[in-house]
Structures are given as C-alpha cells and as structure tokens.
C-alpha cells in the first residue's frame, strides 16, 4: 500500500507521525511544568503545537472533495462535542466572582478563542475547530 495519502481512499499507518505526536505531547507537558524547561531548548518547545496542526492536516487532506468534506464534517462534529462537554465539566470551577455581564471581551474569548475563564488550555481545540470550519467552507464554496 502506498504511503501517499492524497491518492488513497484508505490511509496506511504512519508510525513515525505517531512517535512525533508523542514527543510533541511530552513537549507540551514540559512547557507547562518546569520539567526540562531550559532556555536553550525553548525554541524546540515553540514547534510542538504547530506540529500537531500539521499532522492533523496531513491525515485530513485528500484530493477527493467529497471525501475531504466528509472527513472534515466528522472532525468538526467530534471536536465541537468535545469542546461543549469539556466546558460543561469546567463550569463549576470557573471563578464566577471575576465575571460580570459587562465583561464582553471575557465572554468573547471564552466562546470564540477557547479561553475558559481560569482554564485557558482549551484554546487548541477551539483553534482546531475554527481552522476546520474555515477549510470546510473554503472547500465547499471554492471547489
């Protein structure tokens, strides 16, 4: 089976990408802790999140428009559900005393940027969802 994911309906397993994702996950954990966070390797840590985006795009992309729309539609639904569930799980822990109806920017950041007040770590899923929606719309409208 060819490794070219653009021509195959079914993709083969690319073990090296899974290893790279595992290293990236280790890098993300290292960033948020003091474990192995040294100045001389900080630049390497800046690459881990963009690599997650690139790997996701690699597995999503195909030249077949209908397959792409189907894949991205499924991904959009899964990620949207995950974001809603995680935000509901974090609701009891949000510092509500810091939130008022007048803080429109805080609500904007929560809904559109994934910055749940007190828990800003969901930004990646929100950014991935927004990117997938943009790709879906572009592919649907332009092709």
Protein backbone atom coordinates (compact mmCIF):
# COMPACT_ATOMS: atom_id res chain seq x y z
CA UNK A 1 0.00 0.00 0.00
CA UNK A 2 1.40 3.38 -0.98
CA UNK A 3 2.13 5.94 1.72
CA UNK A 4 0.75 8.80 -0.44
CA UNK A 5 -2.35 9.87 1.44
CA UNK A 6 -3.57 12.12 -1.37
CA UNK A 7 -4.30 9.23 -3.74
CA UNK A 8 -5.58 6.58 -1.37
CA UNK A 9 -9.09 6.32 -0.05
CA UNK A 10 -7.76 4.50 2.98
CA UNK A 11 -4.61 5.74 4.62
CA UNK A 12 -1.89 3.47 5.87
CA UNK A 13 -0.48 3.87 9.33
CA UNK A 14 2.43 6.26 9.53
CA UNK A 15 4.16 5.21 12.74
CA UNK A 16 6.73 7.98 12.62
CA UNK A 17 3.95 10.59 12.87
CA UNK A 18 2.55 8.89 15.95
CA UNK A 19 6.00 8.93 17.52
CA UNK A 20 6.31 12.62 16.62
CA UNK A 21 2.90 13.32 18.18
CA UNK A 22 4.00 11.54 21.37
CA UNK A 23 7.16 13.67 21.50
CA UNK A 24 5.05 16.77 20.95
CA UNK A 25 2.73 15.76 23.79
CA UNK A 26 5.77 15.36 26.03
CA UNK A 27 6.91 18.82 24.90
CA UNK A 28 3.55 20.38 25.75
CA UNK A 29 3.63 18.86 29.22
CA UNK A 30 7.20 20.07 29.65
CA UNK A 31 6.22 23.60 28.66
CA UNK A 32 3.54 23.78 31.33
CA UNK A 33 5.78 22.39 34.04
CA UNK A 34 9.33 23.17 34.99
CA UNK A 35 10.41 19.72 33.81
CA UNK A 36 13.18 20.11 31.22
CA UNK A 37 12.19 23.72 30.54
CA UNK A 38 15.55 25.29 29.80
CA UNK A 39 16.29 28.43 27.83
CA UNK A 40 18.38 26.66 25.25
CA UNK A 41 15.57 24.28 24.22
CA UNK A 42 12.72 26.79 24.44
CA UNK A 43 12.74 27.19 20.64
CA UNK A 44 12.04 23.48 20.24
CA UNK A 45 9.03 23.81 22.53
CA UNK A 46 7.58 26.52 20.29
CA UNK A 47 7.26 23.97 17.49
CA UNK A 48 5.16 21.34 19.24
CA UNK A 49 1.71 22.90 18.85
CA UNK A 50 2.20 23.86 15.19
CA UNK A 51 3.34 20.27 14.56
CA UNK A 52 0.05 18.99 15.99
CA UNK A 53 -1.80 21.20 13.49
CA UNK A 54 0.36 19.99 10.60
CA UNK A 55 -0.08 16.32 11.48
CA UNK A 56 -3.85 16.79 11.78
CA UNK A 57 -3.91 18.43 8.37
CA UNK A 58 -1.85 15.61 6.87
CA UNK A 59 -4.34 12.97 7.96
CA UNK A 60 -7.32 15.09 6.96
CA UNK A 61 -6.26 16.13 3.48
CA UNK A 62 -7.23 14.29 0.31
CA UNK A 63 -7.67 15.40 -3.30
CA UNK A 64 -11.17 13.97 -3.42
CA UNK A 65 -13.51 16.84 -2.50
CA UNK A 66 -16.33 14.65 -1.21
CA UNK A 67 -14.02 12.58 0.98
CA UNK A 68 -12.46 15.75 2.37
CA UNK A 69 -15.86 17.29 3.14
CA UNK A 70 -16.96 14.06 4.81
CA UNK A 71 -13.78 13.79 6.91
CA UNK A 72 -13.82 17.42 7.98
CA UNK A 73 -17.54 17.28 8.77
CA UNK A 74 -16.97 14.31 11.08
CA UNK A 75 -14.00 16.04 12.71
CA UNK A 76 -15.96 19.27 13.20
CA UNK A 77 -18.78 17.40 14.92
CA UNK A 78 -16.43 15.42 17.19
CA UNK A 79 -14.40 18.46 18.21
CA UNK A 80 -17.49 20.63 18.78
CA UNK A 81 -18.98 17.96 21.06
CA UNK A 82 -15.69 17.64 22.93
CA UNK A 83 -15.45 21.41 23.46
CA UNK A 84 -19.02 21.60 24.77
CA UNK A 85 -18.52 18.64 27.12
CA UNK A 86 -15.22 19.98 28.47
CA UNK A 87 -16.64 23.46 29.01
CA UNK A 88 -19.59 21.96 30.88
CA UNK A 89 -17.18 19.94 33.03
CA UNK A 90 -15.20 23.08 33.88
CA UNK A 91 -18.28 25.25 34.63
CA UNK A 92 -18.30 24.50 38.38
CA UNK A 93 -14.65 25.53 38.68
CA UNK A 94 -14.85 28.88 36.88
CA UNK A 95 -14.20 31.85 39.18
CA UNK A 96 -17.66 33.43 38.65
CA UNK A 97 -16.97 36.29 41.04
CA UNK A 98 -14.49 37.61 38.46
CA UNK A 99 -17.06 37.51 35.64
CA UNK A 100 -19.78 40.07 35.16
CA UNK A 101 -22.15 40.82 32.31
CA UNK A 102 -20.13 43.91 31.45
CA UNK A 103 -17.01 41.98 30.56
CA UNK A 104 -17.86 41.33 26.92
CA UNK A 105 -14.27 40.60 25.94
CA UNK A 106 -14.08 37.81 28.52
CA UNK A 107 -17.20 36.19 27.05
CA UNK A 108 -15.83 36.65 23.51
CA UNK A 109 -12.57 34.96 24.50
CA UNK A 110 -14.48 32.11 26.11
CA UNK A 111 -16.77 31.40 23.17
CA UNK A 112 -14.52 32.17 20.20
CA UNK A 113 -10.99 31.64 21.47
CA UNK A 114 -11.47 28.75 23.88
CA UNK A 115 -10.19 30.71 26.86
CA UNK A 116 -12.46 29.32 29.53
CA UNK A 117 -12.05 31.74 32.46
CA UNK A 118 -9.44 30.26 34.74
CA UNK A 119 -8.74 27.40 32.31
CA UNK A 120 -7.19 28.71 29.10
CA UNK A 121 -5.93 25.33 27.93
CA UNK A 122 -8.89 24.60 25.64
CA UNK A 123 -7.68 27.16 23.09
CA UNK A 124 -6.10 24.44 20.93
CA UNK A 125 -9.38 22.60 20.38
CA UNK A 126 -11.17 25.85 19.57
CA UNK A 127 -8.44 26.89 17.12
CA UNK A 128 -8.56 23.46 15.50
CA UNK A 129 -12.34 23.67 15.20
CA UNK A 130 -12.17 27.15 13.66
CA UNK A 131 -9.49 26.03 11.21
CA UNK A 132 -11.53 23.01 10.18
CA UNK A 133 -14.65 25.11 9.68
CA UNK A 134 -12.68 27.57 7.51
CA UNK A 135 -11.22 24.73 5.44
CA UNK A 136 -14.64 23.13 5.07
CA UNK A 137 -16.26 26.38 3.93
CA UNK A 138 -13.44 27.14 1.50
CA UNK A 139 -13.56 23.66 0.00
CA UNK A 140 -17.37 23.70 -0.16
CA UNK A 141 -17.62 27.15 -1.76
CA UNK A 142 -14.50 27.32 -3.92
CA UNK A 143 -14.29 23.89 -5.46
